[in-house]
Protein backbone atom coordinates (compact mmCIF):
# COMPACT_ATOMS: atom_id res chain seq x y z
CA UNK A 1 -25.17 -5.16 -7.67
CA UNK A 2 -28.51 -5.44 -5.87
CA UNK A 3 -28.52 -4.35 -2.23
CA UNK A 4 -31.20 -6.00 -0.11
CA UNK A 5 -29.97 -5.14 3.40
CA UNK A 6 -30.13 -1.55 4.70
CA UNK A 7 -27.02 -2.33 6.78
CA UNK A 8 -24.87 -3.34 3.81
CA UNK A 9 -21.47 -1.58 4.15
CA UNK A 10 -21.62 -0.21 0.60
CA UNK A 11 -24.44 2.06 1.77
CA UNK A 12 -22.26 3.74 4.42
CA UNK A 13 -21.56 6.90 2.43
CA UNK A 14 -25.25 7.24 1.57
CA UNK A 15 -26.88 6.64 4.95
CA UNK A 16 -24.35 6.74 7.82
CA UNK A 17 -22.14 9.77 7.12
CA UNK A 18 -23.21 13.31 7.90
CA UNK A 19 -22.60 16.06 5.36
CA UNK A 20 -19.59 17.28 7.35
CA UNK A 21 -18.11 13.76 7.46
CA UNK A 22 -18.54 13.38 3.71
CA UNK A 23 -16.85 16.73 3.17
CA UNK A 24 -13.72 15.54 4.96
CA UNK A 25 -13.86 11.90 3.82
CA UNK A 26 -10.51 11.98 2.02
CA UNK A 27 -8.85 14.69 4.09
CA UNK A 28 -6.44 16.30 3.37
CA UNK A 29 -7.80 15.77 -0.15
CA UNK A 30 -11.24 17.03 -1.10
CA UNK A 31 -14.02 14.79 0.18
CA UNK A 32 -17.36 13.54 -1.12
CA UNK A 33 -20.87 14.87 -1.57
CA UNK A 34 -24.13 13.16 -2.48
CA UNK A 35 -25.89 14.24 -5.65
CA UNK A 36 -29.54 13.40 -6.36
CA UNK A 37 -31.43 12.75 -9.61
CA UNK A 38 -30.10 12.07 -13.12
CA UNK A 39 -30.42 15.75 -14.11
CA UNK A 40 -28.21 17.01 -11.30
CA UNK A 41 -25.79 14.12 -11.68
CA UNK A 42 -25.38 14.88 -15.37
CA UNK A 43 -24.72 18.56 -14.66
CA UNK A 44 -22.13 17.61 -12.04
CA UNK A 45 -20.44 15.21 -14.45
CA UNK A 46 -20.46 17.87 -17.18
CA UNK A 47 -18.76 20.23 -14.71
CA UNK A 48 -15.94 17.75 -14.14
CA UNK A 49 -16.97 16.09 -10.87
CA UNK A 50 -16.02 12.40 -10.70
CA UNK A 51 -18.44 9.70 -9.49
CA UNK A 52 -17.41 7.28 -6.75
CA UNK A 53 -20.55 5.12 -6.95
CA UNK A 54 -24.21 5.21 -7.91
CA UNK A 55 -27.23 3.98 -5.97
CA UNK A 56 -30.48 3.62 -7.86
CA UNK A 57 -33.93 2.12 -7.92
CA UNK A 58 -33.58 -0.61 -10.58
CA UNK A 59 -37.13 0.03 -11.81
CA UNK A 60 -36.31 3.71 -12.42
CA UNK A 61 -33.08 3.18 -14.37
CA UNK A 62 -33.33 4.11 -18.03
CA UNK A 63 -30.85 3.64 -20.85
CA UNK A 64 -30.03 7.36 -20.65
CA UNK A 65 -29.30 6.95 -16.93
CA UNK A 66 -26.96 4.05 -17.62
CA UNK A 67 -25.02 6.27 -20.02
CA UNK A 68 -24.15 8.56 -17.07
CA UNK A 69 -22.35 5.92 -15.09
CA UNK A 70 -18.79 6.39 -16.42
CA UNK A 71 -17.61 3.00 -15.18
CA UNK A 72 -18.23 3.74 -11.48
CA UNK A 73 -19.77 0.98 -9.32
CA UNK A 74 -23.56 0.82 -9.62
CA UNK A 75 -25.64 -0.41 -6.69
CA UNK A 76 -29.38 -0.92 -6.93
CA UNK A 77 -31.83 -1.16 -4.06
CA UNK A 78 -35.60 -1.35 -3.63
CA UNK A 79 -37.39 1.96 -3.33
CA UNK A 80 -38.10 1.21 0.34
CA UNK A 81 -34.37 1.26 1.12
CA UNK A 82 -33.85 4.46 -0.88
CA UNK A 83 -36.71 6.12 0.98
CA UNK A 84 -35.23 5.05 4.32
CA UNK A 85 -31.87 6.54 3.33
CA UNK A 86 -33.19 9.89 2.08
CA UNK A 87 -36.24 10.29 4.31
CA UNK A 88 -38.52 10.89 1.33
CA UNK A 89 -39.52 9.26 -1.94
CA UNK A 90 -36.98 9.83 -4.69
CA UNK A 91 -39.06 10.65 -7.74
CA UNK A 92 -36.18 9.91 -10.13
CA UNK A 93 -34.63 7.13 -8.09
CA UNK A 94 -30.89 7.84 -8.31
CA UNK A 95 -28.13 8.98 -5.94
CA UNK A 96 -24.46 9.43 -6.71
CA UNK A 97 -21.51 9.79 -4.34
CA UNK A 98 -19.17 12.23 -6.06
CA UNK A 99 -15.69 13.51 -5.36
CA UNK A 100 -15.35 17.17 -4.55
CA UNK A 101 -12.95 19.23 -6.63
CA UNK A 102 -10.30 21.51 -5.13
CA UNK A 103 -11.77 25.00 -5.00
CA UNK A 104 -10.19 27.75 -7.10
CA UNK A 105 -8.56 30.80 -5.58
CA UNK A 106 -10.83 33.89 -5.43
CA UNK A 107 -8.70 35.61 -8.08
CA UNK A 108 -9.55 32.81 -10.51
CA UNK A 109 -13.31 33.40 -10.30
CA UNK A 110 -13.23 37.19 -9.90
CA UNK A 111 -12.94 37.85 -13.61
CA UNK A 112 -16.45 38.89 -14.66
CA UNK A 113 -18.54 42.05 -14.50
CA UNK A 114 -21.09 40.91 -11.91
CA UNK A 115 -20.29 38.71 -8.93
CA UNK A 116 -22.26 37.70 -5.87
CA UNK A 117 -20.89 37.56 -2.32
CA UNK A 118 -22.76 35.61 0.37
CA UNK A 119 -21.85 36.56 3.92
CA UNK A 120 -22.76 33.94 6.54
CA UNK A 121 -25.95 32.72 4.83
CA UNK A 122 -26.63 29.61 6.86
CA UNK A 123 -29.73 28.03 5.31
CA UNK A 124 -28.87 25.53 2.53
CA UNK A 125 -32.21 26.23 0.86
CA UNK A 126 -31.38 29.93 0.57
CA UNK A 127 -27.87 29.18 -0.70
CA UNK A 128 -29.25 26.81 -3.32
CA UNK A 129 -31.95 29.25 -4.44
CA UNK A 130 -29.41 32.08 -4.76
CA UNK A 131 -27.15 29.88 -6.88
CA UNK A 132 -30.07 28.99 -9.13
CA UNK A 133 -30.90 32.67 -9.65
CA UNK A 134 -27.25 33.62 -10.11
CA UNK A 135 -26.79 31.00 -12.82
CA UNK A 136 -30.07 31.84 -14.54
CA UNK A 137 -29.76 35.63 -14.44
CA UNK A 138 -26.25 36.11 -15.72
CA UNK A 139 -24.04 36.49 -12.66
CA UNK A 140 -20.42 35.57 -13.35
CA UNK A 141 -19.43 33.99 -10.02
CA UNK A 142 -20.48 33.40 -6.42
CA UNK A 143 -18.14 33.87 -3.47
CA UNK A 144 -18.97 32.73 0.06
CA UNK A 145 -17.63 33.43 3.52
CA UNK A 146 -16.77 30.44 5.70
CA UNK A 147 -19.98 30.96 7.71
CA UNK A 148 -22.18 30.01 4.74
CA UNK A 149 -23.88 26.69 4.19
CA UNK A 150 -21.95 24.48 1.78
CA UNK A 151 -23.29 24.78 -1.80
CA UNK A 152 -22.69 21.04 -2.25
CA UNK A 153 -24.87 20.06 0.71
CA UNK A 154 -27.51 17.75 -0.68
CA UNK A 155 -30.40 20.16 -0.17
CA UNK A 156 -28.49 23.21 -1.45
CA UNK A 157 -27.49 21.44 -4.66
CA UNK A 158 -31.02 20.08 -5.13
CA UNK A 159 -32.69 23.47 -4.65
CA UNK A 160 -30.16 25.06 -7.01
CA UNK A 161 -31.36 22.69 -9.76
CA UNK A 162 -27.71 22.20 -10.64
CA UNK A 163 -26.80 25.88 -10.49
CA UNK A 164 -23.94 25.02 -8.13
CA UNK A 165 -22.41 23.10 -11.05
CA UNK A 166 -23.05 25.81 -13.65
CA UNK A 167 -21.43 28.91 -12.17
CA UNK A 168 -17.89 29.38 -10.76
CA UNK A 169 -17.74 29.67 -6.98
CA UNK A 170 -15.32 29.56 -4.09
CA UNK A 171 -14.80 30.83 -0.55
CA UNK A 172 -13.35 34.25 0.16
CA UNK A 173 -11.22 34.90 3.27
CA UNK A 174 -11.61 38.68 3.14
CA UNK A 175 -13.65 41.23 1.22
CA UNK A 176 -10.53 43.33 0.64
CA UNK A 177 -9.77 41.42 -2.55
CA UNK A 178 -12.93 42.79 -4.18
CA UNK A 179 -11.69 46.37 -4.20
CA UNK A 180 -8.15 45.27 -4.97
CA UNK A 181 -9.48 43.72 -8.19
CA UNK A 182 -11.54 46.77 -9.11
CA UNK A 183 -15.01 45.79 -7.91
CA UNK A 184 -17.42 48.26 -6.39
CA UNK A 185 -19.25 46.77 -3.42
CA UNK A 186 -23.05 47.03 -3.39
CA UNK A 187 -24.52 45.83 -0.10
CA UNK A 188 -28.17 44.90 0.21
CA UNK A 189 -29.04 46.21 3.66
CA UNK A 190 -31.64 48.10 5.66
CA UNK A 191 -30.21 51.57 6.13
CA UNK A 192 -31.15 55.26 6.07
CA UNK A 193 -28.47 55.85 3.43
CA UNK A 194 -29.47 53.66 0.51
CA UNK A 195 -29.84 54.11 -3.21
CA UNK A 196 -32.56 52.43 -5.21
CA UNK A 197 -31.68 49.22 -7.00
CA UNK A 198 -32.33 50.94 -10.33
CA UNK A 199 -29.98 53.88 -9.62
CA UNK A 200 -28.30 54.75 -12.96
CA UNK A 201 -24.80 55.10 -11.48
CA UNK A 202 -25.09 51.74 -9.76
CA UNK A 203 -26.32 50.01 -12.91
CA UNK A 204 -23.53 51.56 -14.99
CA UNK A 205 -20.69 50.22 -12.83
CA UNK A 206 -18.31 48.12 -14.91
CA UNK A 207 -17.43 45.68 -12.12
CA UNK A 208 -19.94 45.19 -9.32
CA UNK A 209 -20.06 42.81 -6.35
CA UNK A 210 -23.56 42.31 -4.93
CA UNK A 211 -23.35 41.45 -1.22
CA UNK A 212 -26.06 39.49 0.60
CA UNK A 213 -26.10 38.86 4.34
CA UNK A 214 -27.21 36.48 7.04
CA UNK A 215 -30.91 35.59 7.29
CA UNK A 216 -31.27 37.02 10.81
CA UNK A 217 -28.60 39.69 11.17
CA UNK A 218 -27.97 40.84 7.62
CA UNK A 219 -24.53 42.01 6.58
CA UNK A 220 -21.91 42.83 9.19
CA UNK A 221 -21.69 46.54 10.11
CA UNK A 222 -18.09 46.67 8.91
CA UNK A 223 -19.12 45.19 5.56
CA UNK A 224 -21.77 47.85 5.10
CA UNK A 225 -19.34 50.58 6.14
CA UNK A 226 -16.82 49.42 3.52
CA UNK A 227 -19.39 49.37 0.71
CA UNK A 228 -19.53 51.79 -2.19
CA UNK A 229 -23.31 51.47 -2.38
CA UNK A 230 -26.03 50.39 0.03
CA UNK A 231 -28.96 49.34 -2.09
CA UNK A 232 -32.64 48.77 -1.46
CA UNK A 233 -35.61 47.31 -3.27
CA UNK A 234 -38.62 49.66 -3.03
CA UNK A 235 -41.33 48.09 -0.85
CA UNK A 236 -45.06 48.59 -0.32
CA UNK A 237 -47.44 48.02 2.59
CA UNK A 238 -44.81 48.75 5.26
CA UNK A 239 -42.91 45.55 4.42
CA UNK A 240 -39.27 46.24 5.24
CA UNK A 241 -37.50 43.36 3.50
CA UNK A 242 -37.74 40.14 1.50
CA UNK A 243 -36.31 36.71 2.07
CA UNK A 244 -32.65 36.86 1.03
CA UNK A 245 -33.14 34.47 -1.89
CA UNK A 246 -36.07 36.48 -3.26
CA UNK A 247 -34.17 39.75 -2.86
CA UNK A 248 -31.17 38.22 -4.61
CA UNK A 249 -33.20 37.24 -7.67
CA UNK A 250 -34.58 40.77 -8.03
CA UNK A 251 -31.11 42.30 -7.65
CA UNK A 252 -29.56 39.94 -10.20
CA UNK A 253 -32.29 40.71 -12.75
CA UNK A 254 -31.95 44.46 -12.31
CA UNK A 255 -28.17 44.62 -12.18
CA UNK A 256 -27.17 41.89 -14.61
């Protein structure tokens, strides 16, 4: 179906609803999110997310793209309308409104040797970049506090390059469950009582949770106090820290 009017009601989920409104679209059931580009859409479909509808530039649709559609409604619109909706030119010309899945309980994802915990990381770009590194560098799961940006926000999912669809994740109400399930907590924090990221005892831990904190304030004092390790990345030139996403990638590589 070709859409020629930017005010067509079928475009409501793509242009008129904020991320938070999409998230609660079917409340109390899980809501919607918007996924961009055939690559990310395919990874979401492979992970079991169901499409509600597709919106695409008809000139950019390929036969491979059409194979993704799974019988969901397909709307096409000129690139000018797509650019108005997204605010930028879509290089691969496809959006998909997808249903969220119910999130698993923390116990269901806390089954591997190395897990990541994000505490109140608010920037979707940082969340997406951390997911990309976690998926690429062998982490087993990501857990988030409620103060984190949603991994399925459009920008977070895009920056993750589909990592949010490739690694188990959920929200965690309390850090107590980590120790209850046998994980040692390793907090990345500025402190006078740290061990190096390549400390042999740290690297030898069978079950390790790597904790990363808020962009401005870091981890909460009580989180640091409850940790088994406070870890640091050695720095030069009087630089005290890295962006949280960069620090995460280094930690995942060293501790994987």
